Amino acid sequence: MDPGAVGHGFEVLLAVTMDREESVAGFEAGLEQIPEVVHAERLFGEPDYFVRVATADIASFQRLRDERLARLPGVQRMTSTIVMKKVVDNRPLPT
């Protein structure tokens, strides 16, 4: 499905750094409750998470970031990067 066709063509990658380990479960549960979060990965090292978010536009992303994402448990820092173009997407694993 084309994200732009359903009003979610603006994509942002977030690098999230947590301030305490005990907040991980609450943070992850919170991410699962936000429909605009289309992909999230927990990492070793810094940052703690990469999160892909799809919204209608930059104003929608700003509201989502300020009102929901930044308020999730344990968030110390978020760095946003706007996706310019998908180069490789949904490639099957090599066999």
C-alpha atoms as a PDB file:
ATOM      1  CA  MET A   1       0.000   0.000   0.000  1.00  0.00           C
ATOM      2  CA  ASP A   2       1.209   3.465  -0.889  1.00  0.00           C
ATOM      3  CA  PRO A   3       1.486   5.505   2.356  1.00  0.00           C
ATOM      4  CA  GLY A   4       0.879   8.739   0.448  1.00  0.00           C
ATOM      5  CA  ALA A   5      -2.383   7.395  -0.960  1.00  0.00           C
ATOM      6  CA  VAL A   6      -3.773   6.972   2.566  1.00  0.00           C
ATOM      7  CA  GLY A   7      -2.519  10.305   3.903  1.00  0.00           C
ATOM      8  CA  HIS A   8       0.695   9.110   5.575  1.00  0.00           C
ATOM      9  CA  GLY A   9       3.360   9.960   3.008  1.00  0.00           C
ATOM     10  CA  PHE A  10       5.551  12.017   5.353  1.00  0.00           C
ATOM     11  CA  GLU A  11       8.069   9.705   7.024  1.00  0.00           C
ATOM     12  CA  VAL A  12      10.509  10.415   9.806  1.00  0.00           C
ATOM     13  CA  LEU A  13      13.204   8.256  11.382  1.00  0.00           C
ATOM     14  CA  LEU A  14      13.661   8.870  15.081  1.00  0.00           C
ATOM     15  CA  ALA A  15      16.741   7.975  17.074  1.00  0.00           C
ATOM     16  CA  VAL A  16      15.591   7.637  20.688  1.00  0.00           C
ATOM     17  CA  THR A  17      17.877   7.595  23.717  1.00  0.00           C
ATOM     18  CA  MET A  18      16.411   6.425  27.009  1.00  0.00           C
ATOM     19  CA  ASP A  19      17.284   7.876  30.398  1.00  0.00           C
ATOM     20  CA  ARG A  20      16.735   4.680  32.409  1.00  0.00           C
ATOM     21  CA  GLU A  21      16.592   0.966  31.676  1.00  0.00           C
ATOM     22  CA  GLU A  22      13.521   0.324  33.833  1.00  0.00           C
ATOM     23  CA  SER A  23      11.404   2.413  31.420  1.00  0.00           C
ATOM     24  CA  VAL A  24      11.937   0.084  28.441  1.00  0.00           C
ATOM     25  CA  ALA A  25       8.740  -1.957  28.868  1.00  0.00           C
ATOM     26  CA  GLY A  26       6.578   1.141  29.261  1.00  0.00           C
ATOM     27  CA  PHE A  27       8.220   2.844  26.285  1.00  0.00           C
ATOM     28  CA  GLU A  28       7.742  -0.181  24.045  1.00  0.00           C
ATOM     29  CA  ALA A  29       4.119  -0.633  25.156  1.00  0.00           C
ATOM     30  CA  GLY A  30       3.513   3.033  24.408  1.00  0.00           C
ATOM     31  CA  LEU A  31       4.960   2.724  20.908  1.00  0.00           C
ATOM     32  CA  GLU A  32       2.588  -0.163  20.190  1.00  0.00           C
ATOM     33  CA  GLN A  33      -0.372   2.125  20.970  1.00  0.00           C
ATOM     34  CA  ILE A  34       0.598   4.793  18.410  1.00  0.00           C
ATOM     35  CA  PRO A  35      -0.679   3.875  14.917  1.00  0.00           C
ATOM     36  CA  GLU A  36       1.729   6.283  13.184  1.00  0.00           C
ATOM     37  CA  VAL A  37       4.672   4.194  14.452  1.00  0.00           C
ATOM     38  CA  VAL A  38       5.173   1.804  11.549  1.00  0.00           C
ATOM     39  CA  HIS A  39       8.463   0.217  12.626  1.00  0.00           C
ATOM     40  CA  ALA A  40      10.589   0.219  15.773  1.00  0.00           C
ATOM     41  CA  GLU A  41      13.836  -1.517  16.677  1.00  0.00           C
ATOM     42  CA  ARG A  42      15.681  -1.722  19.986  1.00  0.00           C
ATOM     43  CA  LEU A  43      19.440  -1.464  19.538  1.00  0.00           C
ATOM     44  CA  PHE A  44      22.632  -2.211  21.424  1.00  0.00           C
ATOM     45  CA  GLY A  45      24.567   0.957  22.159  1.00  0.00           C
ATOM     46  CA  GLU A  46      23.441   4.478  21.298  1.00  0.00           C
ATOM     47  CA  PRO A  47      20.774   5.322  20.373  1.00  0.00           C
ATOM     48  CA  ASP A  48      18.557   2.847  22.178  1.00  0.00           C
ATOM     49  CA  TYR A  49      15.859   2.764  19.467  1.00  0.00           C
ATOM     50  CA  PHE A  50      15.233   3.566  15.821  1.00  0.00           C
ATOM     51  CA  VAL A  51      11.573   4.339  15.178  1.00  0.00           C
ATOM     52  CA  ARG A  52       9.932   4.940  11.784  1.00  0.00           C
ATOM     53  CA  VAL A  53       6.883   7.202  11.888  1.00  0.00           C
ATOM     54  CA  ALA A  54       4.450   7.977   9.037  1.00  0.00           C
ATOM     55  CA  THR A  55       2.196  11.034   9.208  1.00  0.00           C
ATOM     56  CA  ALA A  56       0.372  13.314   6.760  1.00  0.00           C
ATOM     57  CA  ASP A  57       2.837  16.203   6.942  1.00  0.00           C
ATOM     58  CA  ILE A  58       5.399  17.963   9.097  1.00  0.00           C
ATOM     59  CA  ALA A  59       2.761  19.679  11.258  1.00  0.00           C
ATOM     60  CA  SER A  60       1.164  16.305  12.043  1.00  0.00           C
ATOM     61  CA  PHE A  61       4.566  14.892  12.923  1.00  0.00           C
ATOM     62  CA  GLN A  62       5.333  17.848  15.192  1.00  0.00           C
ATOM     63  CA  ARG A  63       2.098  17.323  17.129  1.00  0.00           C
ATOM     64  CA  LEU A  64       2.717  13.561  17.395  1.00  0.00           C
ATOM     65  CA  ARG A  65       6.276  14.141  18.573  1.00  0.00           C
ATOM     66  CA  ASP A  66       5.387  16.763  21.175  1.00  0.00           C
ATOM     67  CA  GLU A  67       2.097  15.331  22.452  1.00  0.00           C
ATOM     68  CA  ARG A  68       2.769  11.583  22.412  1.00  0.00           C
ATOM     69  CA  LEU A  69       6.268  10.395  21.536  1.00  0.00           C
ATOM     70  CA  ALA A  70       8.230  12.782  23.781  1.00  0.00           C
ATOM     71  CA  ARG A  71       5.935  11.901  26.695  1.00  0.00           C
ATOM     72  CA  LEU A  72       6.561   8.155  26.570  1.00  0.00           C
ATOM     73  CA  PRO A  73       8.260   6.718  29.672  1.00  0.00           C
ATOM     74  CA  GLY A  74      12.019   7.108  29.855  1.00  0.00           C
ATOM     75  CA  VAL A  75      12.627   9.268  26.774  1.00  0.00           C
ATOM     76  CA  GLN A  76      15.723  11.357  27.316  1.00  0.00           C
ATOM     77  CA  ARG A  77      16.433  12.527  23.757  1.00  0.00           C
ATOM     78  CA  MET A  78      14.930  12.149  20.284  1.00  0.00           C
ATOM     79  CA  THR A  79      16.643  13.078  17.056  1.00  0.00           C
ATOM     80  CA  SER A  80      14.458  13.322  13.949  1.00  0.00           C
ATOM     81  CA  THR A  81      15.523  12.739  10.354  1.00  0.00           C
ATOM     82  CA  ILE A  82      13.075  13.260   7.487  1.00  0.00           C
ATOM     83  CA  VAL A  83      13.058  10.467   4.894  1.00  0.00           C
ATOM     84  CA  MET A  84      13.813  11.885   1.447  1.00  0.00           C
ATOM     85  CA  LYS A  85      13.457   8.676  -0.548  1.00  0.00           C
ATOM     86  CA  LYS A  86      13.213   4.948   0.064  1.00  0.00           C
ATOM     87  CA  VAL A  87      15.975   3.223  -1.866  1.00  0.00           C
ATOM     88  CA  VAL A  88      15.497  -0.401  -0.736  1.00  0.00           C
ATOM     89  CA  ASP A  89      12.228  -1.318   0.988  1.00  0.00           C
ATOM     90  CA  ASN A  90      10.589  -4.628   1.919  1.00  0.00           C
ATOM     91  CA  ARG A  91      13.211  -6.743   0.198  1.00  0.00           C
ATOM     92  CA  PRO A  92      12.816 -10.469   0.895  1.00  0.00           C
ATOM     93  CA  LEU A  93      15.639 -12.159   2.783  1.00  0.00           C
ATOM     94  CA  PRO A  94      18.231 -13.847   0.557  1.00  0.00           C
ATOM     95  CA  THR A  95      17.970 -17.594   0.230  1.00  0.00           C
END
